[in-house]
Amino acid sequence: MNVYRDISEINFDGKAVVTIGTFDGIHKGHSDIISFVVNEAADENAKSFVVTFEPHPRLVVSQNYDIKILTDLEEKIELFEKLNIRNLLVINFNAGFAELSYEDFLRNYLIGKIHASHIVIGHDHHFGKGRGGDENKLQQLSESLGFRLTVIPAVSVEGVEVSSTKIRNALLAGEFDKANAYLGRNYTLGGIVVEGDKRGRTIGFPTANIEPAEKRKLVPKEGVYAVKCVIESEEFKGVLNIGRRPTFELQDKVFIELHILDFEGDVYGKKAEVEFISRLRDEVKFTSVENLVNQIKQDVQKAREILK
């Protein structure tokens, strides 16, 4: 996949089937849009093209907006490639770009440089300064600028229309079956293994502390999870605790602690990606370390059964 970081890097002839969006989460609704783009590009002998933005536009246009993202840029690139997109433009969304009108964006970017012959958007998509561009505005310009427009309808799961906001809410509520159904895959969180206080070793369950690579990445509800993980391309199974260590001394900071099943070794400084499979329980304050250890043994056994 070709990844462009600036519109000036794009210089080719021919036509393109293009979609535009933030695509946070790349959920089932996004996947429908992208699959349509890929299929249409093949049918029309055109390039498949996604235009996305970094950082999330709301962080720029809305003051003090503390959005938690579902997919960082690295995850997006990987997912777009898996969905067979051949070209990706990542636009640096800053205050200057936010002032660009939808028509200027359309003329100077999508038509002028990418040569969009077919533009594909979601049912509620808006873009340009003040979110002025929408389905109706695009339709009005399609004939004079010479492109086709396709609007992809929303995707529903069990009668609920899928959206990034609903996925965030489900993850924060610990409703992983719902969140993963909306995503069409299991939620993941990546980061670097950092040194902790090594207390897990003293109770027989050493843990790897994970520091998220993206500080705005959504960390799910505190609790204990059965997970799969990849550390430097090697796959493992594990039990993950997200919480404040209340049995020892309640902390202000939330820790992400991974116990890797059947593993001995040093993973400090290595990149880890955790895939959430199932939520096991809430984090609990135990009356003794012995009770905590007994519960962890049960968590490990349950995780083994789930991850078989």
Protein backbone atom coordinates (compact mmCIF):
# COMPACT_ATOMS: atom_id res chain seq x y z
CA MET A 1 0.00 0.00 0.00
CA ASN A 2 1.22 3.48 -0.86
CA VAL A 3 1.04 5.83 2.14
CA TYR A 4 1.23 9.56 1.36
CA ARG A 5 1.79 12.10 4.14
CA ASP A 6 1.21 15.20 2.02
CA ILE A 7 -0.92 15.96 -1.04
CA SER A 8 2.21 17.22 -2.84
CA GLU A 9 3.56 13.64 -2.86
CA ILE A 10 0.76 12.48 -5.15
CA ASN A 11 1.56 12.68 -8.83
CA PHE A 12 -0.11 10.20 -11.13
CA ASP A 13 -2.54 9.98 -14.00
CA GLY A 14 -5.63 7.85 -14.26
CA LYS A 15 -8.75 7.79 -12.16
CA ALA A 16 -9.45 6.84 -8.56
CA VAL A 17 -12.32 5.63 -6.40
CA VAL A 18 -11.99 7.65 -3.20
CA THR A 19 -13.48 7.69 0.27
CA ILE A 20 -12.85 10.29 2.99
CA GLY A 21 -13.09 10.11 6.75
CA THR A 22 -11.49 9.85 10.15
CA PHE A 23 -12.35 6.13 10.30
CA ASP A 24 -11.73 5.85 14.04
CA GLY A 25 -12.04 2.16 14.88
CA ILE A 26 -12.49 1.06 11.27
CA HIS A 27 -15.69 -0.65 12.41
CA LYS A 28 -18.20 -2.68 10.39
CA GLY A 29 -19.74 0.42 8.84
CA HIS A 30 -16.32 1.65 7.74
CA SER A 31 -15.44 -1.79 6.41
CA ASP A 32 -18.54 -1.75 4.18
CA ILE A 33 -17.45 1.58 2.70
CA ILE A 34 -13.89 0.42 2.12
CA SER A 35 -14.96 -2.90 0.58
CA PHE A 36 -17.18 -0.98 -1.84
CA VAL A 37 -14.27 1.28 -2.79
CA VAL A 38 -11.97 -1.70 -3.43
CA ASN A 39 -14.56 -3.53 -5.54
CA GLU A 40 -15.51 -0.46 -7.57
CA ALA A 41 -11.86 0.37 -8.22
CA ALA A 42 -11.34 -3.12 -9.62
CA ASP A 43 -14.46 -2.87 -11.81
CA GLU A 44 -13.54 0.60 -13.09
CA ASN A 45 -9.82 -0.10 -13.59
CA ALA A 46 -9.11 2.71 -11.13
CA LYS A 47 -7.00 3.20 -8.02
CA SER A 48 -8.55 2.52 -4.62
CA PHE A 49 -7.91 5.53 -2.37
CA VAL A 50 -8.62 6.46 1.25
CA VAL A 51 -8.14 10.01 2.57
CA THR A 52 -7.94 10.23 6.35
CA PHE A 53 -6.80 12.73 8.97
CA GLU A 54 -4.28 12.83 11.80
CA PRO A 55 -4.83 13.90 14.54
CA HIS A 56 -8.56 13.38 15.03
CA PRO A 57 -10.26 16.55 13.71
CA ARG A 58 -12.27 17.08 16.90
CA LEU A 59 -9.04 17.62 18.81
CA VAL A 60 -8.35 20.62 16.57
CA VAL A 61 -11.77 22.18 15.99
CA SER A 62 -13.21 21.66 19.50
CA GLN A 63 -11.35 23.26 22.38
CA ASN A 64 -10.74 21.04 25.41
CA TYR A 65 -12.29 18.04 23.65
CA ASP A 66 -10.82 14.95 25.30
CA ILE A 67 -11.73 12.23 22.81
CA LYS A 68 -10.38 8.73 23.36
CA ILE A 69 -9.46 7.13 20.04
CA LEU A 70 -10.10 3.53 19.07
CA THR A 71 -7.33 3.16 16.49
CA ASP A 72 -4.06 5.03 16.32
CA LEU A 73 -2.51 5.82 12.94
CA GLU A 74 -0.30 2.72 12.90
CA GLU A 75 -3.33 0.49 13.53
CA LYS A 76 -5.32 2.28 10.82
CA ILE A 77 -2.58 1.78 8.24
CA GLU A 78 -2.40 -1.92 9.07
CA LEU A 79 -6.18 -2.35 8.87
CA PHE A 80 -6.52 -0.42 5.60
CA GLU A 81 -3.86 -2.66 4.09
CA LYS A 82 -5.67 -5.79 5.28
CA LEU A 83 -8.82 -4.45 3.59
CA ASN A 84 -6.86 -4.20 0.31
CA ILE A 85 -6.72 -0.43 -0.03
CA ARG A 86 -3.84 0.42 -2.37
CA ASN A 87 -3.42 4.15 -1.65
CA LEU A 88 -3.75 6.13 1.56
CA LEU A 89 -3.36 9.88 2.08
CA VAL A 90 -2.88 10.96 5.70
CA ILE A 91 -3.62 14.69 5.98
CA ASN A 92 -2.11 16.63 8.86
CA PHE A 93 -5.29 18.11 10.31
CA ASN A 94 -4.30 21.46 11.80
CA ALA A 95 -5.99 24.81 12.38
CA GLY A 96 -5.10 25.99 8.88
CA PHE A 97 -6.52 22.92 7.18
CA ALA A 98 -9.68 23.20 9.29
CA GLU A 99 -10.39 26.52 7.53
CA LEU A 100 -10.50 24.86 4.09
CA SER A 101 -14.00 24.85 2.60
CA TYR A 102 -15.53 21.60 1.39
CA GLU A 103 -15.52 22.89 -2.19
CA ASP A 104 -11.83 23.85 -2.13
CA PHE A 105 -10.99 20.50 -0.60
CA LEU A 106 -12.98 18.74 -3.27
CA ARG A 107 -11.49 20.73 -6.17
CA ASN A 108 -7.87 20.95 -5.00
CA TYR A 109 -7.42 17.59 -3.31
CA LEU A 110 -9.90 14.97 -4.48
CA ILE A 111 -10.30 16.13 -8.08
CA GLY A 112 -7.19 18.19 -8.74
CA LYS A 113 -4.57 15.80 -7.33
CA ILE A 114 -6.16 12.40 -6.74
CA HIS A 115 -8.32 12.54 -9.91
CA ALA A 116 -11.37 11.09 -8.18
CA SER A 117 -13.83 9.72 -10.73
CA HIS A 118 -15.99 8.15 -8.03
CA ILE A 119 -16.41 9.41 -4.45
CA VAL A 120 -17.83 7.12 -1.77
CA ILE A 121 -19.07 8.39 1.61
CA GLY A 122 -21.04 7.13 4.58
CA HIS A 123 -24.68 8.07 5.04
CA ASP A 124 -24.03 10.89 7.53
CA HIS A 125 -20.67 12.16 6.32
CA HIS A 126 -19.73 15.85 6.60
CA PHE A 127 -16.43 17.52 5.77
CA GLY A 128 -14.81 20.90 5.14
CA LYS A 129 -14.92 24.06 7.23
CA GLY A 130 -17.83 23.97 9.64
CA ARG A 131 -18.70 20.49 8.29
CA GLY A 132 -20.25 22.27 5.32
CA GLY A 133 -19.83 19.45 2.82
CA ASP A 134 -22.40 16.67 2.80
CA GLU A 135 -24.22 14.30 0.46
CA ASN A 136 -26.39 17.07 -1.05
CA LYS A 137 -23.47 19.44 -1.68
CA LEU A 138 -21.42 16.70 -3.29
CA GLN A 139 -24.32 15.67 -5.50
CA GLN A 140 -24.72 19.25 -6.69
CA LEU A 141 -21.04 19.40 -7.72
CA SER A 142 -20.74 15.91 -9.14
CA GLU A 143 -21.90 16.76 -12.66
CA SER A 144 -19.84 19.93 -13.12
CA LEU A 145 -16.70 18.31 -11.69
CA GLY A 146 -17.23 14.99 -13.43
CA PHE A 147 -17.42 12.40 -10.65
CA ARG A 148 -19.92 9.80 -9.47
CA LEU A 149 -21.16 9.82 -5.89
CA THR A 150 -22.19 6.78 -3.89
CA VAL A 151 -23.57 6.98 -0.35
CA ILE A 152 -23.25 3.79 1.71
CA PRO A 153 -26.03 3.19 4.24
CA ALA A 154 -25.41 2.62 7.94
CA VAL A 155 -24.69 -0.87 9.26
CA SER A 156 -26.75 -2.20 12.17
CA VAL A 157 -25.96 -5.01 14.60
CA GLU A 158 -28.98 -6.46 16.39
CA GLY A 159 -30.98 -3.39 15.46
CA VAL A 160 -28.36 -0.89 16.68
CA GLU A 161 -26.70 1.44 14.17
CA VAL A 162 -22.92 1.04 14.48
CA SER A 163 -20.82 4.11 15.31
CA SER A 164 -17.45 4.87 16.87
CA THR A 165 -19.18 6.58 19.80
CA LYS A 166 -21.22 3.46 20.60
CA ILE A 167 -18.08 1.34 20.50
CA ARG A 168 -16.34 3.70 22.94
CA ASN A 169 -19.30 3.55 25.29
CA ALA A 170 -19.41 -0.25 25.14
CA LEU A 171 -15.67 -0.57 25.90
CA LEU A 172 -15.90 1.83 28.82
CA ALA A 173 -18.84 -0.17 30.18
CA GLY A 174 -16.96 -3.47 29.82
CA GLU A 175 -19.46 -4.72 27.21
CA PHE A 176 -16.90 -6.47 25.02
CA ASP A 177 -19.26 -8.77 23.14
CA LYS A 178 -21.12 -5.70 21.97
CA ALA A 179 -18.00 -3.65 21.17
CA ASN A 180 -16.33 -6.45 19.22
CA ALA A 181 -19.55 -7.14 17.30
CA TYR A 182 -19.69 -3.48 16.25
CA LEU A 183 -16.01 -3.52 15.29
CA GLY A 184 -16.25 -6.81 13.41
CA ARG A 185 -13.03 -7.87 15.17
CA ASN A 186 -11.55 -7.89 18.67
CA TYR A 187 -10.44 -4.60 20.18
CA THR A 188 -6.67 -4.17 20.48
CA LEU A 189 -4.32 -1.99 22.49
CA GLY A 190 -0.63 -1.60 21.76
CA GLY A 191 2.28 -0.17 23.70
CA ILE A 192 5.73 -0.66 25.13
CA VAL A 193 6.54 -2.94 28.07
CA VAL A 194 7.96 -0.79 30.88
CA GLU A 195 9.37 -1.64 34.28
CA GLY A 196 6.98 -1.78 37.21
CA ASP A 197 7.48 -2.52 40.89
CA LYS A 198 7.86 -6.27 40.12
CA ARG A 199 5.31 -7.16 42.82
CA GLY A 200 3.73 -9.80 40.57
CA ARG A 201 6.89 -11.88 40.76
CA THR A 202 6.67 -12.06 44.54
CA ILE A 203 3.22 -13.69 44.39
CA GLY A 204 4.01 -16.10 41.55
CA PHE A 205 2.42 -14.19 38.68
CA PRO A 206 4.96 -11.89 37.01
CA THR A 207 3.43 -9.18 34.85
CA ALA A 208 4.52 -6.95 32.01
CA ASN A 209 3.40 -3.34 32.48
CA ILE A 210 2.21 -1.85 29.19
CA GLU A 211 2.44 1.86 28.45
CA PRO A 212 0.08 2.67 25.54
CA ALA A 213 1.88 3.94 22.45
CA GLU A 214 -0.84 6.55 21.88
CA LYS A 215 -1.73 8.58 24.98
CA ARG A 216 -5.27 9.20 23.71
CA LYS A 217 -5.93 5.52 23.04
CA LEU A 218 -9.08 4.30 24.80
CA VAL A 219 -8.25 2.01 27.72
CA PRO A 220 -11.26 -0.24 28.46
CA LYS A 221 -13.09 -0.50 31.76
CA GLU A 222 -10.98 -1.51 34.74
CA GLY A 223 -11.05 -5.23 35.34
CA VAL A 224 -9.52 -8.58 34.38
CA TYR A 225 -9.49 -9.93 30.82
CA ALA A 226 -8.53 -13.05 28.88
CA VAL A 227 -6.33 -11.82 26.04
CA LYS A 228 -4.08 -12.82 23.20
CA CYS A 229 -0.94 -10.81 22.71
CA VAL A 230 1.85 -10.33 20.21
CA ILE A 231 5.28 -9.31 21.49
CA GLU A 232 7.84 -8.57 18.78
CA SER A 233 5.88 -10.78 16.31
CA GLU A 234 5.66 -13.74 18.74
CA GLU A 235 2.15 -14.79 19.82
CA PHE A 236 1.13 -15.57 23.40
CA LYS A 237 -1.96 -15.98 25.57
CA GLY A 238 -2.45 -14.13 28.79
CA VAL A 239 -4.48 -12.52 31.55
CA LEU A 240 -4.62 -8.73 31.61
CA ASN A 241 -5.50 -6.55 34.58
CA ILE A 242 -6.50 -2.92 34.13
CA GLY A 243 -6.74 -1.18 37.45
CA ARG A 244 -5.34 0.60 40.48
CA ARG A 245 -3.98 -2.28 42.62
CA PRO A 246 -6.48 -1.78 45.48
CA THR A 247 -5.36 -4.87 47.45
CA PHE A 248 -1.92 -3.35 48.01
CA GLU A 249 -2.42 0.39 47.96
CA LEU A 250 -4.99 2.19 45.82
CA GLN A 251 -3.24 4.18 43.10
CA ASP A 252 -4.31 7.32 41.24
CA LYS A 253 -2.84 5.92 38.04
CA VAL A 254 -4.45 3.10 36.07
CA PHE A 255 -2.00 0.27 35.37
CA ILE A 256 -2.19 -2.16 32.44
CA GLU A 257 -0.54 -5.38 33.63
CA LEU A 258 -0.17 -8.47 31.45
CA HIS A 259 0.57 -11.94 32.84
CA ILE A 260 1.77 -14.05 29.91
CA LEU A 261 0.80 -17.71 30.23
CA ASP A 262 3.60 -20.30 30.13
CA PHE A 263 6.33 -17.73 29.54
CA GLU A 264 9.64 -16.92 31.15
CA GLY A 265 11.87 -14.17 29.86
CA ASP A 266 12.57 -10.47 29.67
CA VAL A 267 10.19 -8.34 27.58
CA TYR A 268 11.15 -4.89 28.89
CA GLY A 269 11.33 -2.28 26.16
CA LYS A 270 9.56 -4.49 23.64
CA LYS A 271 6.45 -3.63 21.69
CA ALA A 272 3.31 -5.50 22.75
CA GLU A 273 -0.15 -5.62 21.21
CA VAL A 274 -3.01 -7.00 23.26
CA GLU A 275 -6.18 -8.41 21.72
CA PHE A 276 -9.14 -8.45 24.13
CA ILE A 277 -11.00 -11.77 23.95
CA SER A 278 -13.23 -11.85 27.03
CA ARG A 279 -13.85 -9.89 30.22
CA LEU A 280 -13.45 -12.13 33.26
CA ARG A 281 -14.41 -9.90 36.20
CA ASP A 282 -14.18 -6.49 37.86
CA GLU A 283 -11.08 -5.48 39.78
CA VAL A 284 -11.61 -6.27 43.47
CA LYS A 285 -9.90 -5.29 46.71
CA PHE A 286 -9.05 -8.52 48.54
CA THR A 287 -8.67 -8.82 52.31
CA SER A 288 -5.33 -10.63 51.96
CA VAL A 289 -2.63 -11.36 49.39
CA GLU A 290 -3.50 -15.06 49.76
CA ASN A 291 -7.08 -14.41 48.63
CA LEU A 292 -5.76 -12.38 45.70
CA VAL A 293 -3.44 -15.21 44.64
CA ASN A 294 -6.29 -17.75 44.82
CA GLN A 295 -8.43 -15.53 42.62
CA ILE A 296 -5.62 -15.05 40.10
CA LYS A 297 -5.26 -18.84 39.86
CA GLN A 298 -8.97 -19.04 39.01
CA ASP A 299 -8.59 -16.22 36.47
CA VAL A 300 -5.72 -18.04 34.77
CA GLN A 301 -7.66 -21.30 34.60
CA LYS A 302 -10.71 -19.57 33.17
CA ALA A 303 -8.57 -17.75 30.62
CA ARG A 304 -6.96 -21.01 29.53
CA GLU A 305 -10.41 -22.51 28.89
CA ILE A 306 -11.56 -19.45 26.92
CA LEU A 307 -8.35 -19.22 24.88
CA LYS A 308 -8.10 -22.90 23.91
